Structures are given as C-alpha cells and as structure tokens.
Amino acid sequence: MSANAPIVVHRISASGGRRVTVRDQIMGLAHSDEDLLEFLRQAGLPDAADLLDDPTWIEWVGDRRHEYDPLEIIP
C-alpha cells in the first residue's frame, strides 16, 4: 500500500460496500468495481480501469481487493 495514493478504497463495511475517498474527499460507497470506476470518472479520471491495481494511485485498505461483500460469519 502507498500512504501517498490519492485514492483510498476503505475496508468493507459490516453491511457491504467500501467507502471511496479521492484526495480525502468522500466520493461514496462502492458496491462493485463499476461503482468505483464511476466515482473515479466523477473525480476526473475517465479511463481509470488500468489504475485499479496500481498502488501509486489506489490504496486498498484490507486484504481483499475488488471485494465488496462483507465476510460471511459462520456460527
């Protein structure tokens, strides 16, 4: 992870989805890579698909990149 990445995809929330921030501005809650790409388009990055796995651009908090559903809790 890069502490200097301008885009942060935060940990998966308990109800699902990941908060996305661009330069510390909250863009919204992504439930898919498509949502994430839309937030990046809104932030001025229309061709961001190639950036999703580039740690200089995006910091994925947590260990499950491209995952948006909460972990299933087994009793």
C-alpha atoms as a PDB file:
ATOM      1  CA  MET A   1       0.000   0.000   0.000  1.00  0.00           C
ATOM      2  CA  SER A   2       1.047   3.512  -0.618  1.00  0.00           C
ATOM      3  CA  ALA A   3       0.476   6.101   2.076  1.00  0.00           C
ATOM      4  CA  ASN A   4       0.605   8.719  -0.688  1.00  0.00           C
ATOM      5  CA  ALA A   5      -2.002   7.223  -3.024  1.00  0.00           C
ATOM      6  CA  PRO A   6      -4.586   9.876  -3.896  1.00  0.00           C
ATOM      7  CA  ILE A   7      -7.428   7.325  -3.953  1.00  0.00           C
ATOM      8  CA  VAL A   8      -8.335   5.137  -0.983  1.00  0.00           C
ATOM      9  CA  VAL A   9     -10.778   2.234  -1.092  1.00  0.00           C
ATOM     10  CA  HIS A  10     -11.520   1.649   2.572  1.00  0.00           C
ATOM     11  CA  ARG A  11     -12.300  -1.590   4.410  1.00  0.00           C
ATOM     12  CA  ILE A  12     -15.518  -3.441   3.638  1.00  0.00           C
ATOM     13  CA  SER A  13     -18.306  -2.165   5.873  1.00  0.00           C
ATOM     14  CA  ALA A  14     -20.312  -4.585   8.010  1.00  0.00           C
ATOM     15  CA  SER A  15     -23.306  -4.178   5.691  1.00  0.00           C
ATOM     16  CA  GLY A  16     -21.231  -4.370   2.500  1.00  0.00           C
ATOM     17  CA  GLY A  17     -19.639  -1.816   0.237  1.00  0.00           C
ATOM     18  CA  ARG A  18     -16.468   0.206   0.605  1.00  0.00           C
ATOM     19  CA  ARG A  19     -16.122   3.918   1.177  1.00  0.00           C
ATOM     20  CA  VAL A  20     -14.065   5.607  -1.530  1.00  0.00           C
ATOM     21  CA  THR A  21     -12.101   8.793  -0.979  1.00  0.00           C
ATOM     22  CA  VAL A  22     -10.207  10.825  -3.549  1.00  0.00           C
ATOM     23  CA  ARG A  23      -7.689  13.218  -2.008  1.00  0.00           C
ATOM     24  CA  ASP A  24      -9.546  12.944   1.324  1.00  0.00           C
ATOM     25  CA  GLN A  25     -12.920  13.796  -0.270  1.00  0.00           C
ATOM     26  CA  ILE A  26     -15.587  11.126   0.258  1.00  0.00           C
ATOM     27  CA  MET A  27     -16.959  10.067  -3.113  1.00  0.00           C
ATOM     28  CA  GLY A  28     -19.446   7.483  -1.849  1.00  0.00           C
ATOM     29  CA  LEU A  29     -19.923   3.806  -1.068  1.00  0.00           C
ATOM     30  CA  ALA A  30     -18.856   1.416  -3.831  1.00  0.00           C
ATOM     31  CA  HIS A  31     -20.513  -1.991  -4.091  1.00  0.00           C
ATOM     32  CA  SER A  32     -18.519  -3.055  -7.179  1.00  0.00           C
ATOM     33  CA  ASP A  33     -15.560  -2.118  -9.346  1.00  0.00           C
ATOM     34  CA  GLU A  34     -18.096  -0.466 -11.670  1.00  0.00           C
ATOM     35  CA  ASP A  35     -19.180   1.843  -8.807  1.00  0.00           C
ATOM     36  CA  LEU A  36     -15.542   2.586  -8.051  1.00  0.00           C
ATOM     37  CA  LEU A  37     -14.858   3.450 -11.695  1.00  0.00           C
ATOM     38  CA  GLU A  38     -17.876   5.771 -11.728  1.00  0.00           C
ATOM     39  CA  PHE A  39     -16.546   7.620  -8.662  1.00  0.00           C
ATOM     40  CA  LEU A  40     -13.176   7.952 -10.362  1.00  0.00           C
ATOM     41  CA  ARG A  41     -14.855   9.230 -13.536  1.00  0.00           C
ATOM     42  CA  GLN A  42     -16.667  11.838 -11.428  1.00  0.00           C
ATOM     43  CA  ALA A  43     -13.302  12.815  -9.930  1.00  0.00           C
ATOM     44  CA  GLY A  44     -11.897  13.481 -13.413  1.00  0.00           C
ATOM     45  CA  LEU A  45     -10.312  10.111 -14.243  1.00  0.00           C
ATOM     46  CA  PRO A  46     -12.465   8.810 -17.143  1.00  0.00           C
ATOM     47  CA  ASP A  47     -10.044   5.999 -18.107  1.00  0.00           C
ATOM     48  CA  ALA A  48      -9.264   4.701 -14.611  1.00  0.00           C
ATOM     49  CA  ALA A  49      -9.753   0.954 -15.221  1.00  0.00           C
ATOM     50  CA  ASP A  50      -5.999   0.467 -15.613  1.00  0.00           C
ATOM     51  CA  LEU A  51      -5.392   2.201 -12.264  1.00  0.00           C
ATOM     52  CA  LEU A  52      -7.371  -0.204 -10.050  1.00  0.00           C
ATOM     53  CA  ASP A  53      -4.330  -2.329  -9.204  1.00  0.00           C
ATOM     54  CA  ASP A  54      -1.738   0.459  -9.293  1.00  0.00           C
ATOM     55  CA  PRO A  55      -0.652   1.201  -5.693  1.00  0.00           C
ATOM     56  CA  THR A  56       0.680   4.617  -6.689  1.00  0.00           C
ATOM     57  CA  TRP A  57      -2.916   5.622  -7.495  1.00  0.00           C
ATOM     58  CA  ILE A  58      -5.146   3.452  -5.295  1.00  0.00           C
ATOM     59  CA  GLU A  59      -4.670   2.185  -1.759  1.00  0.00           C
ATOM     60  CA  TRP A  60      -6.920  -0.776  -0.952  1.00  0.00           C
ATOM     61  CA  VAL A  61      -7.377  -0.929   2.818  1.00  0.00           C
ATOM     62  CA  GLY A  62      -7.779  -4.539   3.918  1.00  0.00           C
ATOM     63  CA  ASP A  63      -6.554  -7.620   2.130  1.00  0.00           C
ATOM     64  CA  ARG A  64      -9.378  -8.302  -0.346  1.00  0.00           C
ATOM     65  CA  ARG A  65      -9.056  -6.122  -3.437  1.00  0.00           C
ATOM     66  CA  HIS A  66     -12.100  -5.992  -5.707  1.00  0.00           C
ATOM     67  CA  GLU A  67     -14.304  -7.495  -2.973  1.00  0.00           C
ATOM     68  CA  TYR A  68     -17.260  -5.527  -1.655  1.00  0.00           C
ATOM     69  CA  ASP A  69     -19.421  -8.027   0.230  1.00  0.00           C
ATOM     70  CA  PRO A  70     -18.932  -8.479   3.985  1.00  0.00           C
ATOM     71  CA  LEU A  71     -17.373 -11.691   5.206  1.00  0.00           C
ATOM     72  CA  GLU A  72     -19.914 -14.372   5.954  1.00  0.00           C
ATOM     73  CA  ILE A  73     -19.879 -15.145   9.660  1.00  0.00           C
ATOM     74  CA  ILE A  74     -20.047 -18.863  10.378  1.00  0.00           C
ATOM     75  CA  PRO A  75     -21.681 -19.720  13.724  1.00  0.00           C
END
